[in-house]
N, C-alpha and C. Protein backbone atom coordinates (compact mmCIF):
# COMPACT_ATOMS: atom_id res chain seq x y z
N MET A 1 -88.35 -99.55 -44.76
CA MET A 1 -89.13 -99.10 -43.63
C MET A 1 -89.39 -97.61 -43.80
N LYS A 2 -90.59 -97.16 -43.44
CA LYS A 2 -90.97 -95.76 -43.57
C LYS A 2 -90.32 -94.93 -42.46
N ALA A 3 -89.87 -93.75 -42.85
CA ALA A 3 -89.31 -92.83 -41.87
C ALA A 3 -90.45 -92.08 -41.20
N LYS A 4 -90.32 -91.82 -39.93
CA LYS A 4 -91.35 -91.09 -39.20
C LYS A 4 -91.30 -89.62 -39.61
N THR A 5 -92.47 -89.07 -39.89
CA THR A 5 -92.54 -87.67 -40.34
C THR A 5 -92.78 -86.72 -39.19
N GLY A 6 -93.10 -87.23 -38.02
CA GLY A 6 -93.34 -86.38 -36.88
C GLY A 6 -94.76 -85.82 -36.82
N LYS A 7 -95.60 -86.22 -37.77
CA LYS A 7 -96.99 -85.75 -37.75
C LYS A 7 -97.78 -86.51 -36.70
N LYS A 8 -98.55 -85.75 -35.95
CA LYS A 8 -99.40 -86.35 -34.92
C LYS A 8 -100.74 -86.71 -35.54
N LYS A 9 -101.23 -87.88 -35.25
CA LYS A 9 -102.54 -88.30 -35.76
C LYS A 9 -103.62 -87.49 -35.05
N ALA A 10 -104.52 -86.92 -35.85
CA ALA A 10 -105.59 -86.08 -35.30
C ALA A 10 -106.59 -86.93 -34.52
N THR A 11 -107.10 -86.36 -33.43
CA THR A 11 -108.16 -87.04 -32.70
C THR A 11 -109.43 -86.93 -33.53
N ASP A 12 -110.45 -87.72 -33.17
CA ASP A 12 -111.72 -87.65 -33.89
C ASP A 12 -112.28 -86.24 -33.87
N GLU A 13 -112.20 -85.60 -32.72
CA GLU A 13 -112.73 -84.25 -32.58
C GLU A 13 -112.00 -83.28 -33.51
N GLU A 14 -110.66 -83.37 -33.55
CA GLU A 14 -109.89 -82.49 -34.42
C GLU A 14 -110.18 -82.78 -35.89
N TYR A 15 -110.32 -84.06 -36.21
CA TYR A 15 -110.60 -84.46 -37.59
C TYR A 15 -111.91 -83.85 -38.07
N TYR A 16 -112.98 -84.03 -37.28
CA TYR A 16 -114.28 -83.53 -37.70
C TYR A 16 -114.34 -82.00 -37.65
N ASP A 17 -113.65 -81.38 -36.71
CA ASP A 17 -113.61 -79.92 -36.68
C ASP A 17 -112.93 -79.37 -37.93
N LYS A 18 -111.87 -80.02 -38.34
CA LYS A 18 -111.11 -79.58 -39.51
C LYS A 18 -111.94 -79.69 -40.79
N ARG A 19 -112.71 -80.75 -40.91
CA ARG A 19 -113.47 -81.00 -42.13
C ARG A 19 -114.89 -80.42 -42.09
N GLY A 20 -115.33 -79.99 -40.93
CA GLY A 20 -116.64 -79.35 -40.84
C GLY A 20 -117.82 -80.29 -41.05
N ILE A 21 -117.63 -81.58 -40.87
CA ILE A 21 -118.70 -82.55 -41.11
C ILE A 21 -119.83 -82.36 -40.11
N LEU A 22 -119.51 -82.01 -38.88
CA LEU A 22 -120.55 -81.86 -37.86
C LEU A 22 -121.49 -80.71 -38.17
N GLY A 23 -121.06 -79.76 -39.00
CA GLY A 23 -121.93 -78.66 -39.40
C GLY A 23 -123.08 -79.11 -40.29
N GLU A 24 -122.98 -80.31 -40.85
CA GLU A 24 -124.04 -80.83 -41.71
C GLU A 24 -125.20 -81.44 -40.92
N ILE A 25 -125.01 -81.62 -39.64
CA ILE A 25 -126.05 -82.23 -38.82
C ILE A 25 -127.15 -81.20 -38.58
N VAL A 26 -128.36 -81.60 -38.84
CA VAL A 26 -129.50 -80.71 -38.68
C VAL A 26 -130.11 -80.95 -37.31
N GLU A 27 -130.30 -79.85 -36.57
CA GLU A 27 -130.93 -79.98 -35.27
C GLU A 27 -132.44 -79.98 -35.43
N GLY A 28 -133.11 -80.74 -34.64
CA GLY A 28 -134.56 -80.79 -34.70
C GLY A 28 -135.05 -82.10 -34.11
N GLU A 29 -136.35 -82.23 -34.08
CA GLU A 29 -136.94 -83.44 -33.53
C GLU A 29 -136.79 -84.60 -34.50
N VAL A 30 -136.59 -85.78 -33.95
CA VAL A 30 -136.48 -86.99 -34.74
C VAL A 30 -137.57 -87.94 -34.28
N ALA A 31 -138.38 -88.37 -35.22
CA ALA A 31 -139.46 -89.30 -34.88
C ALA A 31 -138.93 -90.73 -35.01
N LEU A 32 -138.95 -91.46 -33.92
CA LEU A 32 -138.52 -92.85 -33.92
C LEU A 32 -139.69 -93.73 -33.54
N SER A 33 -139.78 -94.86 -34.21
CA SER A 33 -140.84 -95.80 -33.85
C SER A 33 -140.35 -97.23 -34.05
N LEU A 34 -140.91 -98.12 -33.29
CA LEU A 34 -140.59 -99.54 -33.40
C LEU A 34 -141.87 -100.29 -33.67
N GLU A 35 -141.73 -101.43 -34.35
CA GLU A 35 -142.90 -102.28 -34.52
C GLU A 35 -143.36 -102.73 -33.14
N ASP A 36 -144.65 -102.90 -32.96
CA ASP A 36 -145.19 -103.26 -31.65
C ASP A 36 -144.59 -104.56 -31.10
N ALA A 37 -144.44 -105.56 -31.97
CA ALA A 37 -143.89 -106.84 -31.51
C ALA A 37 -142.45 -106.68 -31.04
N LEU A 38 -141.65 -105.93 -31.79
CA LEU A 38 -140.26 -105.71 -31.41
C LEU A 38 -140.19 -104.93 -30.11
N LYS A 39 -141.02 -103.92 -29.99
CA LYS A 39 -141.05 -103.11 -28.77
C LYS A 39 -141.39 -103.97 -27.56
N GLN A 40 -142.37 -104.85 -27.69
CA GLN A 40 -142.76 -105.73 -26.59
C GLN A 40 -141.62 -106.70 -26.22
N ASP A 41 -140.95 -107.24 -27.25
CA ASP A 41 -139.83 -108.15 -26.99
C ASP A 41 -138.71 -107.45 -26.22
N ILE A 42 -138.43 -106.21 -26.62
CA ILE A 42 -137.37 -105.46 -25.95
C ILE A 42 -137.76 -105.16 -24.51
N LEU A 43 -139.00 -104.68 -24.31
CA LEU A 43 -139.45 -104.33 -22.96
C LEU A 43 -139.55 -105.55 -22.05
N SER A 44 -139.92 -106.69 -22.61
CA SER A 44 -140.08 -107.89 -21.78
C SER A 44 -138.75 -108.60 -21.53
N GLY A 45 -137.71 -108.21 -22.24
CA GLY A 45 -136.40 -108.83 -22.05
C GLY A 45 -136.18 -110.05 -22.91
N LYS A 46 -137.12 -110.37 -23.81
CA LYS A 46 -136.96 -111.53 -24.69
C LYS A 46 -135.86 -111.32 -25.71
N ARG A 47 -135.68 -110.08 -26.11
CA ARG A 47 -134.74 -109.78 -27.20
C ARG A 47 -133.36 -109.47 -26.63
N LYS A 48 -132.66 -110.49 -26.26
CA LYS A 48 -131.28 -110.33 -25.80
C LYS A 48 -130.38 -110.91 -26.88
N ARG A 49 -129.67 -110.03 -27.53
CA ARG A 49 -128.80 -110.48 -28.61
C ARG A 49 -127.44 -110.82 -28.06
N LYS A 50 -126.88 -111.84 -28.62
CA LYS A 50 -125.50 -112.18 -28.31
C LYS A 50 -124.71 -111.88 -29.57
N LEU A 51 -123.85 -110.90 -29.48
CA LEU A 51 -123.08 -110.46 -30.63
C LEU A 51 -121.68 -111.07 -30.56
N ARG A 52 -121.13 -111.33 -31.74
CA ARG A 52 -119.76 -111.83 -31.83
C ARG A 52 -118.92 -110.83 -32.57
N ASN A 53 -117.72 -110.65 -32.14
CA ASN A 53 -116.80 -109.75 -32.82
C ASN A 53 -116.24 -110.43 -34.06
N ILE A 54 -116.11 -109.65 -35.13
CA ILE A 54 -115.46 -110.13 -36.35
C ILE A 54 -114.46 -109.08 -36.78
N THR A 55 -113.57 -109.46 -37.66
CA THR A 55 -112.61 -108.53 -38.21
C THR A 55 -112.74 -108.55 -39.72
N ILE A 56 -112.88 -107.37 -40.31
CA ILE A 56 -112.91 -107.26 -41.76
C ILE A 56 -111.95 -106.15 -42.18
N LYS A 57 -111.46 -106.26 -43.39
CA LYS A 57 -110.58 -105.23 -43.92
C LYS A 57 -111.39 -104.37 -44.88
N LEU A 58 -111.35 -103.05 -44.65
CA LEU A 58 -112.05 -102.10 -45.49
C LEU A 58 -111.08 -101.04 -45.99
N ASP A 59 -111.38 -100.54 -47.16
CA ASP A 59 -110.65 -99.39 -47.68
C ASP A 59 -110.86 -98.23 -46.70
N PRO A 60 -109.80 -97.53 -46.32
CA PRO A 60 -109.96 -96.42 -45.37
C PRO A 60 -110.98 -95.37 -45.80
N LEU A 61 -111.12 -95.14 -47.11
CA LEU A 61 -112.11 -94.18 -47.59
C LEU A 61 -113.52 -94.69 -47.36
N TYR A 62 -113.74 -96.01 -47.49
CA TYR A 62 -115.06 -96.58 -47.19
C TYR A 62 -115.38 -96.38 -45.71
N LEU A 63 -114.40 -96.66 -44.86
CA LEU A 63 -114.62 -96.51 -43.43
C LEU A 63 -114.93 -95.06 -43.08
N LEU A 64 -114.22 -94.14 -43.67
CA LEU A 64 -114.48 -92.72 -43.45
C LEU A 64 -115.91 -92.35 -43.89
N SER A 65 -116.32 -92.88 -45.04
CA SER A 65 -117.67 -92.62 -45.54
C SER A 65 -118.72 -93.21 -44.61
N ILE A 66 -118.47 -94.42 -44.12
CA ILE A 66 -119.41 -95.06 -43.20
C ILE A 66 -119.54 -94.22 -41.93
N LYS A 67 -118.43 -93.74 -41.41
CA LYS A 67 -118.46 -92.92 -40.20
C LYS A 67 -119.22 -91.62 -40.44
N LYS A 68 -119.07 -91.04 -41.63
CA LYS A 68 -119.78 -89.80 -41.95
C LYS A 68 -121.28 -90.05 -42.00
N VAL A 69 -121.70 -91.13 -42.65
CA VAL A 69 -123.13 -91.46 -42.72
C VAL A 69 -123.68 -91.71 -41.32
N ALA A 70 -122.93 -92.46 -40.52
CA ALA A 70 -123.37 -92.75 -39.15
C ALA A 70 -123.50 -91.48 -38.33
N THR A 71 -122.56 -90.56 -38.49
CA THR A 71 -122.62 -89.29 -37.77
C THR A 71 -123.87 -88.52 -38.17
N LYS A 72 -124.18 -88.50 -39.45
CA LYS A 72 -125.39 -87.82 -39.93
C LYS A 72 -126.64 -88.43 -39.33
N LYS A 73 -126.63 -89.77 -39.17
CA LYS A 73 -127.79 -90.46 -38.61
C LYS A 73 -127.81 -90.44 -37.09
N GLY A 74 -126.68 -90.06 -36.48
CA GLY A 74 -126.61 -89.98 -35.03
C GLY A 74 -126.48 -91.33 -34.35
N ILE A 75 -125.86 -92.29 -35.03
CA ILE A 75 -125.66 -93.62 -34.45
C ILE A 75 -124.20 -94.02 -34.59
N PRO A 76 -123.72 -94.94 -33.78
CA PRO A 76 -122.35 -95.43 -33.93
C PRO A 76 -122.17 -96.14 -35.27
N TYR A 77 -120.99 -96.02 -35.86
CA TYR A 77 -120.79 -96.60 -37.18
C TYR A 77 -120.90 -98.12 -37.19
N GLN A 78 -120.54 -98.78 -36.08
CA GLN A 78 -120.66 -100.23 -36.03
C GLN A 78 -122.13 -100.65 -36.10
N THR A 79 -122.99 -99.87 -35.46
CA THR A 79 -124.43 -100.15 -35.49
C THR A 79 -124.95 -99.99 -36.91
N LEU A 80 -124.50 -98.96 -37.60
CA LEU A 80 -124.92 -98.73 -38.99
C LEU A 80 -124.51 -99.90 -39.87
N VAL A 81 -123.29 -100.36 -39.73
CA VAL A 81 -122.82 -101.50 -40.54
C VAL A 81 -123.65 -102.74 -40.22
N ARG A 82 -123.95 -102.97 -38.94
CA ARG A 82 -124.79 -104.11 -38.56
C ARG A 82 -126.17 -104.01 -39.20
N GLN A 83 -126.74 -102.80 -39.23
CA GLN A 83 -128.04 -102.62 -39.86
C GLN A 83 -127.97 -102.93 -41.35
N TRP A 84 -126.93 -102.44 -42.01
CA TRP A 84 -126.79 -102.70 -43.45
C TRP A 84 -126.64 -104.18 -43.73
N VAL A 85 -125.86 -104.87 -42.92
CA VAL A 85 -125.68 -106.31 -43.11
C VAL A 85 -127.01 -107.03 -42.94
N ALA A 86 -127.76 -106.69 -41.88
CA ALA A 86 -129.05 -107.33 -41.63
C ALA A 86 -130.03 -107.07 -42.77
N GLU A 87 -130.08 -105.84 -43.27
CA GLU A 87 -130.98 -105.49 -44.38
C GLU A 87 -130.66 -106.30 -45.62
N ASN A 88 -129.38 -106.41 -45.93
CA ASN A 88 -128.99 -107.13 -47.14
C ASN A 88 -129.17 -108.63 -47.00
N ILE A 89 -129.02 -109.16 -45.81
CA ILE A 89 -129.32 -110.59 -45.59
C ILE A 89 -130.79 -110.84 -45.85
N ARG A 90 -131.65 -109.96 -45.31
CA ARG A 90 -133.10 -110.12 -45.54
C ARG A 90 -133.43 -110.03 -47.03
N LYS A 91 -132.78 -109.10 -47.75
CA LYS A 91 -133.02 -108.97 -49.19
C LYS A 91 -132.60 -110.23 -49.93
N GLU A 92 -131.40 -110.70 -49.64
CA GLU A 92 -130.86 -111.87 -50.33
C GLU A 92 -131.72 -113.11 -50.08
N LEU A 93 -132.17 -113.26 -48.85
CA LEU A 93 -132.98 -114.42 -48.50
C LEU A 93 -134.46 -114.19 -48.72
N LYS A 94 -134.80 -112.97 -49.19
CA LYS A 94 -136.18 -112.59 -49.47
C LYS A 94 -137.08 -112.81 -48.24
N ILE A 95 -136.56 -112.43 -47.08
CA ILE A 95 -137.31 -112.57 -45.83
C ILE A 95 -138.28 -111.42 -45.65
N ALA A 96 -137.84 -110.21 -45.97
CA ALA A 96 -138.74 -109.05 -45.78
C ALA A 96 -138.70 -108.16 -46.97
């Protein structure tokens, strides 16, 4: 059994302050756009997703990298992973 070292786990804020990752974020306008059909579905309420929770095991360094990319993009890391999964499913199935 591991002996406790007495080190306190850093909060997210302390972690990012220590590593200076937030300094890489560029301030400025961001142009966002949606396809017209998707925009209409969202506005009309047709696009209601039902999400299911899953559990996966990732290397801690991968998770850290994912969080860094998500921070740069300004989105939650779970959303980024969902986007990557959806993109790769479309590629594999040659949908888009």
